[in-house]
Amino acid sequence: MSGGESGGSGRDGGTESSGGRVPLSGGVHGPAALRELVELALTAMEAGAERRGGPIPAGEPEALARQFEGVFGYVWDGTESGEKADEDALLRLTELLAYGSADPADPSCAAHLHGPPLAVAVAADLAVSALNPSLDSWDQAPAATALETALIGELAELVGYRPESAAGVLTSGGTESNLMGLMLARDRVLGSGRSVELDGLPASARPRIFASEAAHFSVQRSAALLGLGERAVVTVPVDRELRMDPDRLAGALAAAVADGATPIAVVATAGTTDTGGIDPLHEIADLAAEYGAWLHADAAYGGGALLSDRLAPLLDGIARADSVALDWHKLGWQPAAAGVFLVRRAQTYASLARRAVYLNPADDEQAGYPSLLGRSLRTTRRADAFKVAVTLRTFGRRGLGRLVDTCHELACSAAAAVRAEPALDLHCEPILSTVVFRYLPTCPVPPGPPARAAGDRFADRFADRFNAELRRVLLREGRAVVGRTELPGAGPGRVRLKLTLLNPNTSVAEVAALLDTVVRTGKELERAI
């Protein structure tokens, strides 16, 4: 057997085989070594899911945590401790993991932008894990380097960029993509395309980033990581659907410039986490161009609408952004991570370029060996593009678009059911696949004869506490995983429940049953108060 081949398969994948070699996943014999272990893992997953019996294991967090105490500990050398390695570790721990997981494939698990991955994408991801290519140099990932480059061209075209002049990279998700977009914005506006030394900037620079009140929290986090500080982010008010108000953006930009600040970026959200709201992209693009600011579009959620003929017009104008964040683990049904970062003009990547002589020496690139090292903030990077490419080839844009449409239709049917239920209050009509609502409890009469406004505030505070507890009851009893959020603004009356419907196999009847569970649990909670 050559050094690149794997030995026979031990039951736990970690003990030595009879020939003295440990079983590895690569080489000619790697698939054989994996086959038995994958079957074991699948068997354990089935047993764990059956034991769980619902969308999430029932019980208090502390009680659940006690079931995991010690089970993931290492077993040291038996010659010193007298302990033997656990040959059933894969079977036992996988069953425990499956039992203790929230299952996004369950119709009653609908809290987050965390969908059930397509089976073909998981199978493709297994191949990547087994082969373990790393995209920091061509000689670690010849095929994956070519494949990611081709995929980025296709996704750039989907967004509306010209593939021949655009560039991009696979990322760990929307947070990393937003960080990259704001880093390039900082360097272009303050450093003329070169990496910025913040201690060399004049005090008058005073960089500012503009984003809506409903923008993802990673915008503030990115500003902190980039040395600008969270206070560099100017938040702009939103409407009821949580879309940025362009008139208020115009006023905020003008006020910042009048105050001597420098607008370096505007972040347009194409799919807010809570409502799926999409900012008015053309109006925002006009304002960003007027003030010389970089326009970054956070389409980590809403980018999935580009797959649907029906919903794609919602993102009209996204091609005017200087950079775009997509995330296919949401409305793309990929195992995480599956983020994508794209720039409209490849030359704007200049400040990220890096040369490491042991990874991408210049003479190798001149000889025709390409490198993606300068495309990413990371060095070692797995071939996440492969599962996305396999999925696109398997389903095509139209096939995936039908799944997007199905989830949108589920959201519309859920909204209709909420409107028809007197105990529930719908916040706004669905835009993508999210439904925001609240349970309307009967408010106990506050003490004394309060004025109308004081009584309303008391009722709003009570409703906030009630809805928060209602969600926790659903979790504790393992009935449902429902999201919770708070609308922008101040004062009580902002807590809402949320269904994020990303399972295209869920039926309208199952969504109705989930809402019925929420109402039934709410009435039980009212009786218990």
Protein backbone atom coordinates (compact mmCIF):
# COMPACT_ATOMS: atom_id res chain seq x y z
CA MET A 1 0.00 0.00 0.00
CA SER A 2 1.39 3.41 -0.91
CA GLY A 3 1.79 6.17 1.65
CA GLY A 4 -1.29 7.96 0.22
CA GLU A 5 -3.59 4.97 0.69
CA SER A 6 -5.65 4.28 3.77
CA GLY A 7 -5.78 1.07 5.73
CA GLY A 8 -8.77 -0.97 6.78
CA SER A 9 -11.64 0.52 8.76
CA GLY A 10 -11.78 0.41 12.51
CA ARG A 11 -15.23 0.81 14.01
CA ASP A 12 -14.50 4.24 15.47
CA GLY A 13 -12.31 5.40 12.59
CA GLY A 14 -9.46 6.14 15.00
CA THR A 15 -7.93 2.82 16.11
CA GLU A 16 -5.15 1.13 14.19
CA SER A 17 -5.99 -1.52 11.63
CA SER A 18 -4.41 -4.99 11.66
CA GLY A 19 -1.71 -3.75 9.30
CA GLY A 20 -0.65 -1.00 11.72
CA ARG A 21 -2.07 1.86 9.66
CA VAL A 22 -4.94 4.08 10.79
CA PRO A 23 -7.92 4.28 8.41
CA LEU A 24 -7.89 7.53 6.45
CA SER A 25 -10.57 9.01 4.21
CA GLY A 26 -8.35 9.68 1.19
CA GLY A 27 -6.49 7.47 -1.22
CA VAL A 28 -7.75 4.45 -3.10
CA HIS A 29 -9.07 2.72 0.02
CA GLY A 30 -10.56 5.82 1.67
CA PRO A 31 -14.13 5.27 0.44
CA ALA A 32 -14.12 1.72 1.82
CA ALA A 33 -12.90 2.99 5.19
CA LEU A 34 -15.70 5.57 5.24
CA ARG A 35 -18.55 3.41 4.05
CA GLU A 36 -19.06 1.43 7.25
CA LEU A 37 -18.56 4.49 9.43
CA VAL A 38 -21.06 6.57 7.45
CA GLU A 39 -23.63 3.77 7.82
CA LEU A 40 -22.98 3.76 11.57
CA ALA A 41 -23.44 7.52 11.77
CA LEU A 42 -26.68 7.38 9.77
CA THR A 43 -28.02 4.62 12.02
CA ALA A 44 -27.20 6.71 15.06
CA MET A 45 -28.86 9.78 13.57
CA GLU A 46 -32.06 7.82 13.03
CA ALA A 47 -32.01 6.56 16.61
CA GLY A 48 -31.33 10.03 18.00
CA ALA A 49 -34.13 11.64 15.99
CA GLU A 50 -36.58 8.95 17.10
CA ARG A 51 -35.54 9.45 20.72
CA ARG A 52 -36.00 13.23 20.39
CA GLY A 53 -39.45 12.77 18.88
CA GLY A 54 -39.97 16.39 17.84
CA PRO A 55 -38.32 19.61 16.68
CA ILE A 56 -36.14 19.99 19.80
CA PRO A 57 -35.53 17.91 22.93
CA ALA A 58 -37.89 18.74 25.76
CA GLY A 59 -36.50 19.98 29.05
CA GLU A 60 -34.77 22.85 30.77
CA PRO A 61 -31.35 23.88 29.37
CA GLU A 62 -29.54 22.79 32.57
CA ALA A 63 -31.16 19.35 32.53
CA LEU A 64 -30.16 18.89 28.89
CA ALA A 65 -26.62 20.05 29.59
CA ARG A 66 -26.23 17.44 32.34
CA GLN A 67 -26.85 14.69 29.79
CA PHE A 68 -23.77 15.85 27.90
CA GLU A 69 -21.43 16.25 30.89
CA GLY A 70 -18.33 14.18 30.42
CA VAL A 71 -19.42 12.36 27.27
CA PHE A 72 -17.21 14.40 24.98
CA GLY A 73 -14.10 14.13 27.16
CA TYR A 74 -10.89 12.62 25.84
CA VAL A 75 -9.73 9.15 26.89
CA TRP A 76 -5.99 9.28 27.47
CA ASP A 77 -3.44 6.52 26.91
CA GLY A 78 -4.80 3.33 28.49
CA THR A 79 -1.32 2.23 29.57
CA GLU A 80 -1.32 5.07 32.10
CA SER A 81 -4.99 5.38 33.05
CA GLY A 82 -6.16 1.82 32.68
CA GLU A 83 -9.01 3.03 30.44
CA LYS A 84 -9.74 1.67 26.98
CA ALA A 85 -10.64 3.78 23.96
CA ASP A 86 -14.38 3.89 23.27
CA GLU A 87 -14.84 1.87 20.11
CA ASP A 88 -18.53 2.82 20.00
CA ALA A 89 -17.86 6.57 20.31
CA LEU A 90 -19.11 7.41 16.82
CA LEU A 91 -22.36 5.51 17.30
CA ARG A 92 -23.02 6.70 20.85
CA LEU A 93 -22.08 10.36 20.45
CA THR A 94 -23.79 10.80 17.08
CA GLU A 95 -27.02 9.49 18.58
CA LEU A 96 -26.66 11.93 21.46
CA LEU A 97 -25.94 14.81 19.06
CA ALA A 98 -29.01 13.97 16.94
CA TYR A 99 -31.19 13.68 20.03
CA GLY A 100 -29.98 17.01 21.39
CA SER A 101 -30.24 18.99 18.15
CA ALA A 102 -32.90 21.35 16.89
CA ASP A 103 -34.07 19.78 13.64
CA PRO A 104 -34.72 22.35 10.88
CA ALA A 105 -36.35 19.61 8.80
CA ASP A 106 -39.16 19.31 11.36
CA PRO A 107 -42.21 21.44 10.36
CA SER A 108 -42.40 22.80 13.92
CA CYS A 109 -38.80 24.06 13.84
CA ALA A 110 -39.13 27.47 12.18
CA ALA A 111 -37.30 30.05 14.26
CA HIS A 112 -34.21 31.06 12.35
CA LEU A 113 -32.55 31.46 8.96
CA HIS A 114 -31.31 27.92 9.51
CA GLY A 115 -32.86 25.60 6.98
CA PRO A 116 -32.65 21.87 6.30
CA PRO A 117 -29.87 21.20 3.78
CA LEU A 118 -30.56 19.30 0.59
CA ALA A 119 -29.38 15.69 0.74
CA VAL A 120 -27.30 16.08 -2.41
CA ALA A 121 -25.50 19.07 -0.89
CA VAL A 122 -24.69 17.07 2.25
CA ALA A 123 -23.35 14.20 0.14
CA ALA A 124 -21.18 16.65 -1.80
CA ASP A 125 -19.98 18.14 1.48
CA LEU A 126 -18.96 14.68 2.66
CA ALA A 127 -16.76 14.31 -0.42
CA VAL A 128 -15.11 17.64 0.38
CA SER A 129 -14.51 16.60 4.00
CA ALA A 130 -13.00 13.30 2.88
CA LEU A 131 -10.71 14.76 0.23
CA ASN A 132 -9.93 17.85 2.36
CA PRO A 133 -8.71 20.30 -0.30
CA SER A 134 -7.57 23.69 0.99
CA LEU A 135 -7.95 26.73 -1.22
CA ASP A 136 -4.98 28.72 0.03
CA SER A 137 -2.78 27.34 -2.77
CA TRP A 138 -3.30 25.64 -6.13
CA ASP A 139 -1.18 22.61 -5.23
CA GLN A 140 -3.57 21.79 -2.36
CA ALA A 141 -6.75 22.14 -4.46
CA PRO A 142 -6.27 22.07 -8.25
CA ALA A 143 -9.86 21.13 -9.14
CA ALA A 144 -11.47 23.12 -6.33
CA THR A 145 -9.57 26.27 -7.33
CA ALA A 146 -10.90 26.04 -10.89
CA LEU A 147 -14.39 25.14 -9.70
CA GLU A 148 -14.70 28.06 -7.26
CA THR A 149 -13.49 30.49 -9.92
CA ALA A 150 -16.14 29.24 -12.34
CA LEU A 151 -18.88 29.32 -9.68
CA ILE A 152 -18.04 32.89 -8.70
CA GLY A 153 -18.46 33.89 -12.35
CA GLU A 154 -21.91 32.28 -12.47
CA LEU A 155 -23.04 33.89 -9.21
CA ALA A 156 -21.72 37.28 -10.33
CA GLU A 157 -23.89 36.95 -13.43
CA LEU A 158 -26.89 35.98 -11.27
CA VAL A 159 -26.47 39.22 -9.30
CA GLY A 160 -26.21 41.23 -12.52
CA TYR A 161 -22.45 41.82 -12.59
CA ARG A 162 -20.31 41.25 -15.66
CA PRO A 163 -18.48 37.99 -14.85
CA GLU A 164 -15.36 39.01 -16.75
CA SER A 165 -14.83 42.10 -14.58
CA ALA A 166 -16.24 40.90 -11.24
CA ALA A 167 -14.52 38.86 -8.54
CA GLY A 168 -15.40 37.10 -5.32
CA VAL A 169 -14.88 34.28 -2.89
CA LEU A 170 -16.75 31.76 -0.73
CA THR A 171 -16.98 32.90 2.90
CA SER A 172 -18.09 31.54 6.25
CA GLY A 173 -21.34 33.52 5.95
CA GLY A 174 -22.88 36.96 5.86
CA THR A 175 -20.85 38.27 8.80
CA GLU A 176 -17.51 37.62 7.05
CA SER A 177 -18.87 38.94 3.75
CA ASN A 178 -20.06 42.16 5.40
CA LEU A 179 -16.66 42.59 7.05
CA MET A 180 -14.93 42.22 3.67
CA GLY A 181 -17.26 44.70 1.99
CA LEU A 182 -16.68 47.34 4.66
CA MET A 183 -12.93 46.69 4.69
CA LEU A 184 -12.73 47.35 0.95
CA ALA A 185 -14.95 50.41 1.39
CA ARG A 186 -12.60 51.79 4.05
CA ASP A 187 -9.55 51.18 1.89
CA ARG A 188 -11.04 52.62 -1.30
CA VAL A 189 -12.42 55.82 0.23
CA LEU A 190 -9.71 56.51 2.80
CA GLY A 191 -6.72 54.81 1.21
CA SER A 192 -7.32 55.13 -2.54
CA GLY A 193 -7.51 51.35 -2.81
CA ARG A 194 -4.57 50.59 -0.51
CA SER A 195 -4.73 49.09 2.96
CA VAL A 196 -5.41 51.88 5.45
CA GLU A 197 -3.17 52.70 8.41
CA LEU A 198 -5.64 54.24 10.81
CA ASP A 199 -3.01 55.99 12.90
CA GLY A 200 -1.92 57.81 9.75
CA LEU A 201 -5.34 59.25 8.98
CA PRO A 202 -5.97 62.91 9.67
CA ALA A 203 -8.38 63.62 12.51
CA SER A 204 -10.65 65.31 9.99
CA ALA A 205 -11.32 61.99 8.20
CA ARG A 206 -13.98 60.88 10.71
CA PRO A 207 -15.25 57.90 8.65
CA ARG A 208 -18.96 57.05 8.77
CA ILE A 209 -20.94 53.96 7.69
CA PHE A 210 -24.68 54.28 7.09
CA ALA A 211 -27.03 51.34 7.67
CA SER A 212 -30.67 50.94 8.61
CA GLU A 213 -31.95 50.30 12.13
CA ALA A 214 -32.81 46.79 10.94
CA ALA A 215 -29.40 46.04 9.39
CA HIS A 216 -27.52 43.00 10.66
CA PHE A 217 -25.53 43.52 13.85
CA SER A 218 -22.37 42.46 11.99
CA VAL A 219 -22.20 45.97 10.52
CA GLN A 220 -21.37 47.40 13.95
CA ARG A 221 -19.08 44.47 14.72
CA SER A 222 -17.23 45.00 11.44
CA ALA A 223 -16.74 48.69 12.17
CA ALA A 224 -15.17 47.74 15.50
CA LEU A 225 -12.90 45.12 13.92
CA LEU A 226 -11.79 47.59 11.25
CA GLY A 227 -10.66 50.07 13.88
CA LEU A 228 -13.40 52.57 13.08
CA GLY A 229 -15.43 51.94 16.23
CA GLU A 230 -19.10 51.04 16.48
CA ARG A 231 -20.03 54.72 16.79
CA ALA A 232 -18.88 55.17 13.21
CA VAL A 233 -22.12 53.44 12.17
CA VAL A 234 -25.01 55.86 11.64
CA THR A 235 -28.37 54.09 11.87
CA VAL A 236 -31.19 55.22 9.59
CA PRO A 237 -34.89 54.81 10.49
CA VAL A 238 -37.03 52.18 8.77
CA ASP A 239 -40.68 51.75 7.79
CA ARG A 240 -43.08 49.10 9.12
CA GLU A 241 -41.60 46.44 6.86
CA LEU A 242 -38.13 47.39 8.23
CA ARG A 243 -36.94 48.96 4.96
CA MET A 244 -34.57 51.90 5.12
CA ASP A 245 -36.18 55.32 4.63
CA PRO A 246 -34.22 56.93 1.74
CA ASP A 247 -35.26 60.44 2.72
CA ARG A 248 -33.85 59.91 6.21
CA LEU A 249 -30.68 58.46 4.65
CA ALA A 250 -30.31 61.58 2.52
CA GLY A 251 -30.67 63.72 5.62
CA ALA A 252 -28.16 61.64 7.58
CA LEU A 253 -25.57 61.84 4.80
CA ALA A 254 -25.99 65.59 4.44
CA ALA A 255 -25.75 66.13 8.19
CA ALA A 256 -22.59 64.00 8.43
CA VAL A 257 -20.83 65.92 5.66
CA ALA A 258 -21.91 69.25 7.16
CA ASP A 259 -20.37 68.08 10.42
CA GLY A 260 -17.06 67.32 8.69
CA ALA A 261 -17.41 63.51 8.59
CA THR A 262 -16.57 61.28 5.60
CA PRO A 263 -19.20 58.82 4.34
CA ILE A 264 -17.22 55.72 3.39
CA ALA A 265 -20.03 53.18 2.96
CA VAL A 266 -23.76 52.71 2.79
CA VAL A 267 -25.08 49.24 3.63
CA ALA A 268 -28.33 48.33 1.90
CA THR A 269 -30.09 45.32 3.39
CA ALA A 270 -31.72 43.01 0.86
CA GLY A 271 -33.66 40.77 3.22
CA THR A 272 -33.75 41.83 6.86
CA THR A 273 -33.46 39.03 9.39
CA ASP A 274 -36.87 39.73 10.91
CA THR A 275 -39.26 40.62 8.07
CA GLY A 276 -37.25 39.92 4.93
CA GLY A 277 -37.59 43.63 4.11
CA ILE A 278 -35.57 44.86 1.12
CA ASP A 279 -34.27 48.40 1.15
CA PRO A 280 -35.05 50.64 -1.90
CA LEU A 281 -31.87 49.74 -3.77
CA HIS A 282 -31.97 52.26 -6.61
CA GLU A 283 -32.62 55.25 -4.37
CA ILE A 284 -29.86 54.16 -1.98
CA ALA A 285 -27.45 53.60 -4.88
CA ASP A 286 -28.14 57.13 -6.13
CA LEU A 287 -27.33 58.60 -2.72
CA ALA A 288 -24.18 56.51 -2.25
CA ALA A 289 -22.90 57.67 -5.64
CA GLU A 290 -23.75 61.29 -4.86
CA TYR A 291 -21.61 61.21 -1.73
CA GLY A 292 -18.81 59.04 -3.13
CA ALA A 293 -19.55 56.21 -0.69
CA TRP A 294 -19.10 52.50 -1.34
CA LEU A 295 -22.42 50.66 -1.61
CA HIS A 296 -22.49 47.23 0.02
CA ALA A 297 -25.64 45.11 -0.35
CA ASP A 298 -26.22 42.58 2.41
CA ALA A 299 -28.32 40.01 0.54
CA ALA A 300 -27.42 37.07 2.77
CA TYR A 301 -31.13 36.28 3.11
CA GLY A 302 -32.79 38.04 0.19
CA GLY A 303 -30.24 36.86 -2.38
CA GLY A 304 -32.19 33.64 -2.62
CA ALA A 305 -34.97 35.62 -4.32
CA LEU A 306 -32.68 35.90 -7.37
CA LEU A 307 -33.39 32.21 -8.00
CA SER A 308 -37.13 32.89 -8.39
CA ASP A 309 -38.65 34.50 -11.47
CA ARG A 310 -41.49 35.73 -9.27
CA LEU A 311 -39.37 37.30 -6.49
CA ALA A 312 -36.21 38.37 -8.35
CA PRO A 313 -37.70 41.81 -9.22
CA LEU A 314 -37.61 42.63 -5.48
CA LEU A 315 -33.83 42.92 -5.83
CA ASP A 316 -33.86 45.22 -8.85
CA GLY A 317 -30.88 47.55 -8.46
CA ILE A 318 -28.58 45.16 -6.60
CA ALA A 319 -26.18 45.14 -9.55
CA ARG A 320 -25.36 48.78 -8.75
CA ALA A 321 -23.75 47.77 -5.46
CA ASP A 322 -19.95 47.77 -5.26
CA SER A 323 -20.11 44.55 -3.24
CA VAL A 324 -22.73 41.96 -2.38
CA ALA A 325 -23.08 39.35 0.37
CA LEU A 326 -25.00 36.15 -0.39
CA ASP A 327 -25.52 33.14 1.85
CA TRP A 328 -26.73 29.85 0.39
CA HIS A 329 -27.26 28.09 3.73
CA LYS A 330 -30.50 30.10 3.92
CA LEU A 331 -32.61 30.16 0.74
CA GLY A 332 -30.13 27.83 -0.96
CA TRP A 333 -30.46 24.81 1.35
CA GLN A 334 -26.75 24.21 1.85
CA PRO A 335 -24.95 22.93 4.94
CA ALA A 336 -23.15 25.82 6.62
CA ALA A 337 -20.85 27.39 5.67
CA ALA A 338 -21.97 28.62 2.24
CA GLY A 339 -21.47 32.39 2.20
CA VAL A 340 -20.43 34.31 -0.93
CA PHE A 341 -18.77 37.70 -1.27
CA LEU A 342 -18.80 39.44 -4.66
CA VAL A 343 -17.35 42.72 -5.94
CA ARG A 344 -18.46 44.42 -9.12
CA ARG A 345 -14.91 45.41 -10.13
CA ALA A 346 -12.03 42.99 -9.49
CA GLN A 347 -9.53 45.83 -9.12
CA THR A 348 -11.26 46.96 -5.91
CA TYR A 349 -9.82 43.82 -4.28
CA ALA A 350 -6.34 45.36 -4.38
CA SER A 351 -5.92 45.96 -0.64
CA LEU A 352 -6.58 42.29 0.15
CA ALA A 353 -3.83 40.98 -2.14
CA ARG A 354 -1.12 39.05 -0.27
CA ARG A 355 2.00 37.21 -1.36
CA ALA A 356 3.21 34.26 0.70
CA VAL A 357 6.24 32.62 -0.89
CA TYR A 358 5.29 29.15 0.36
CA LEU A 359 1.75 29.43 -1.06
CA ASN A 360 1.59 31.72 -4.10
CA PRO A 361 5.08 32.71 -5.28
CA ALA A 362 4.97 35.16 -8.18
CA ASP A 363 6.85 32.88 -10.57
CA ASP A 364 4.27 30.10 -10.01
CA GLU A 365 1.45 32.46 -10.95
CA GLN A 366 3.42 33.66 -13.97
CA ALA A 367 3.82 30.01 -14.99
CA GLY A 368 0.04 29.54 -14.94
CA TYR A 369 -0.66 28.26 -11.40
CA PRO A 370 -3.48 30.47 -10.08
CA SER A 371 -4.00 31.41 -6.44
CA LEU A 372 -7.12 32.49 -4.52
CA LEU A 373 -5.16 33.53 -1.43
CA GLY A 374 -5.74 37.24 -2.09
CA ARG A 375 -9.49 36.77 -2.37
CA SER A 376 -10.14 35.77 1.25
CA LEU A 377 -9.54 36.93 4.81
CA ARG A 378 -8.75 33.31 5.66
CA THR A 379 -5.75 31.19 4.76
CA THR A 380 -6.79 27.55 5.13
CA ARG A 381 -10.21 27.37 3.49
CA ARG A 382 -12.31 24.33 2.60
CA ALA A 383 -13.92 23.87 -0.82
CA ASP A 384 -17.42 25.05 0.12
CA ALA A 385 -18.04 25.99 -3.50
CA PHE A 386 -18.29 22.31 -4.43
CA LYS A 387 -21.61 21.59 -2.68
CA VAL A 388 -23.12 24.78 -4.13
CA ALA A 389 -21.95 23.82 -7.62
CA VAL A 390 -23.31 20.27 -7.28
CA THR A 391 -26.66 21.63 -6.09
CA LEU A 392 -26.92 24.11 -8.95
CA ARG A 393 -26.09 21.40 -11.49
CA THR A 394 -28.61 19.01 -9.89
CA PHE A 395 -31.56 21.39 -9.56
CA GLY A 396 -30.74 24.31 -11.86
CA ARG A 397 -31.81 27.87 -11.12
CA ARG A 398 -35.44 27.09 -11.93
CA GLY A 399 -35.52 24.03 -9.70
CA LEU A 400 -34.16 25.99 -6.76
CA GLY A 401 -36.44 28.88 -7.65
CA ARG A 402 -39.44 26.58 -7.24
CA LEU A 403 -38.26 25.80 -3.70
CA VAL A 404 -37.99 29.53 -2.98
CA ASP A 405 -41.51 30.06 -4.32
CA THR A 406 -42.81 27.20 -2.19
CA CYS A 407 -41.40 28.76 0.98
CA HIS A 408 -42.83 32.16 0.01
CA GLU A 409 -46.26 30.57 -0.53
CA LEU A 410 -46.01 28.88 2.87
CA ALA A 411 -45.33 32.26 4.46
CA CYS A 412 -48.34 33.79 2.70
CA SER A 413 -50.58 30.97 3.91
CA ALA A 414 -49.22 31.36 7.44
CA ALA A 415 -49.96 35.10 7.33
CA ALA A 416 -53.53 34.37 6.24
CA ALA A 417 -53.91 31.94 9.15
CA VAL A 418 -52.59 34.56 11.59
CA ARG A 419 -55.03 37.16 10.27
CA ALA A 420 -57.89 34.71 10.75
CA GLU A 421 -56.98 33.94 14.37
CA PRO A 422 -58.27 36.54 16.87
CA ALA A 423 -55.60 35.59 19.42
CA LEU A 424 -52.78 36.51 17.00
CA ASP A 425 -51.67 39.84 15.51
CA LEU A 426 -49.80 39.97 12.19
CA HIS A 427 -47.07 42.62 11.99
CA CYS A 428 -46.84 42.92 8.18
CA GLU A 429 -47.35 40.89 5.03
CA PRO A 430 -44.56 38.41 4.20
CA ILE A 431 -41.92 39.58 1.75
CA LEU A 432 -39.78 36.44 1.49
CA SER A 433 -40.40 33.52 3.84
CA THR A 434 -40.72 35.14 7.28
CA VAL A 435 -43.91 35.81 9.23
CA VAL A 436 -43.77 38.18 12.22
CA PHE A 437 -46.66 38.20 14.69
CA ARG A 438 -47.54 38.14 18.36
CA TYR A 439 -49.97 36.47 20.69
CA LEU A 440 -52.56 38.87 22.17
CA PRO A 441 -53.02 37.90 25.82
CA THR A 442 -55.87 39.19 27.92
CA CYS A 443 -54.18 41.88 29.97
CA PRO A 444 -54.88 41.95 33.71
CA VAL A 445 -56.31 45.28 34.84
CA PRO A 446 -53.53 47.49 36.21
CA PRO A 447 -54.01 48.83 39.75
CA GLY A 448 -55.76 52.18 40.07
CA PRO A 449 -57.52 54.22 37.38
CA PRO A 450 -54.63 54.92 34.97
CA ALA A 451 -54.87 57.24 32.03
CA ARG A 452 -55.34 55.67 28.61
CA ALA A 453 -51.66 56.02 27.62
CA ALA A 454 -50.46 54.49 30.89
CA GLY A 455 -52.88 51.60 30.49
CA ASP A 456 -51.64 50.96 26.95
CA ARG A 457 -48.03 50.92 28.14
CA PHE A 458 -48.94 48.45 30.88
CA ALA A 459 -50.68 46.20 28.33
CA ASP A 460 -47.70 46.40 25.95
CA ARG A 461 -45.24 45.49 28.70
CA PHE A 462 -47.44 42.57 29.73
CA ALA A 463 -47.70 41.38 26.11
CA ASP A 464 -43.91 41.59 25.71
CA ARG A 465 -43.31 39.45 28.80
CA PHE A 466 -46.08 37.03 27.82
CA ASN A 467 -44.80 36.41 24.29
CA ALA A 468 -41.23 35.92 25.52
CA GLU A 469 -42.42 33.34 28.06
CA LEU A 470 -44.73 31.68 25.53
CA ARG A 471 -41.75 30.98 23.29
CA ARG A 472 -39.79 29.52 26.21
CA VAL A 473 -42.68 27.23 27.15
CA LEU A 474 -42.77 25.90 23.58
CA LEU A 475 -39.03 25.20 23.82
CA ARG A 476 -39.12 23.62 27.29
CA GLU A 477 -41.89 21.24 26.33
CA GLY A 478 -40.30 20.38 22.98
CA ARG A 479 -43.45 21.46 21.11
CA ALA A 480 -42.00 24.00 18.68
CA VAL A 481 -39.02 26.21 17.89
CA VAL A 482 -40.46 29.66 17.20
CA GLY A 483 -38.34 32.78 16.77
CA ARG A 484 -38.46 35.89 18.92
CA THR A 485 -37.44 39.41 17.98
CA GLU A 486 -37.95 43.03 18.98
CA LEU A 487 -38.98 45.69 16.51
CA PRO A 488 -36.85 48.85 16.20
CA GLY A 489 -37.86 51.73 18.41
CA ALA A 490 -38.11 52.52 22.09
CA GLY A 491 -40.52 51.53 24.83
CA PRO A 492 -42.70 48.44 25.32
CA GLY A 493 -44.79 46.64 22.73
CA ARG A 494 -41.90 45.60 20.50
CA VAL A 495 -41.55 41.85 21.22
CA ARG A 496 -42.78 39.65 18.39
CA LEU A 497 -42.75 35.95 17.54
CA LYS A 498 -41.44 34.84 14.19
CA LEU A 499 -41.74 31.91 11.79
CA THR A 500 -38.90 31.60 9.30
CA LEU A 501 -40.20 29.06 6.80
CA LEU A 502 -37.27 27.48 4.94
CA ASN A 503 -38.50 23.89 4.64
CA PRO A 504 -40.02 23.39 1.17
CA ASN A 505 -41.40 19.98 2.24
CA THR A 506 -43.59 21.54 4.92
CA SER A 507 -47.29 21.56 4.04
CA VAL A 508 -49.83 24.33 4.54
CA ALA A 509 -51.61 22.05 7.03
CA GLU A 510 -48.42 21.61 9.05
CA VAL A 511 -47.90 25.38 9.23
CA ALA A 512 -51.49 25.77 10.39
CA ALA A 513 -50.88 23.09 13.02
CA LEU A 514 -47.79 24.94 14.23
CA LEU A 515 -49.78 28.15 14.67
CA ASP A 516 -52.50 26.18 16.43
CA THR A 517 -49.83 24.90 18.84
CA VAL A 518 -48.77 28.48 19.54
CA VAL A 519 -52.37 29.55 20.23
CA ARG A 520 -53.17 26.49 22.35
CA THR A 521 -50.02 26.97 24.42
CA GLY A 522 -50.79 30.67 24.81
CA LYS A 523 -54.25 29.92 26.18
CA GLU A 524 -52.77 27.35 28.59
CA LEU A 525 -50.27 29.95 29.77
CA GLU A 526 -53.04 32.52 30.28
CA ARG A 527 -54.97 30.07 32.46
CA ALA A 528 -51.84 29.38 34.50
CA ILE A 529 -51.20 33.07 35.29
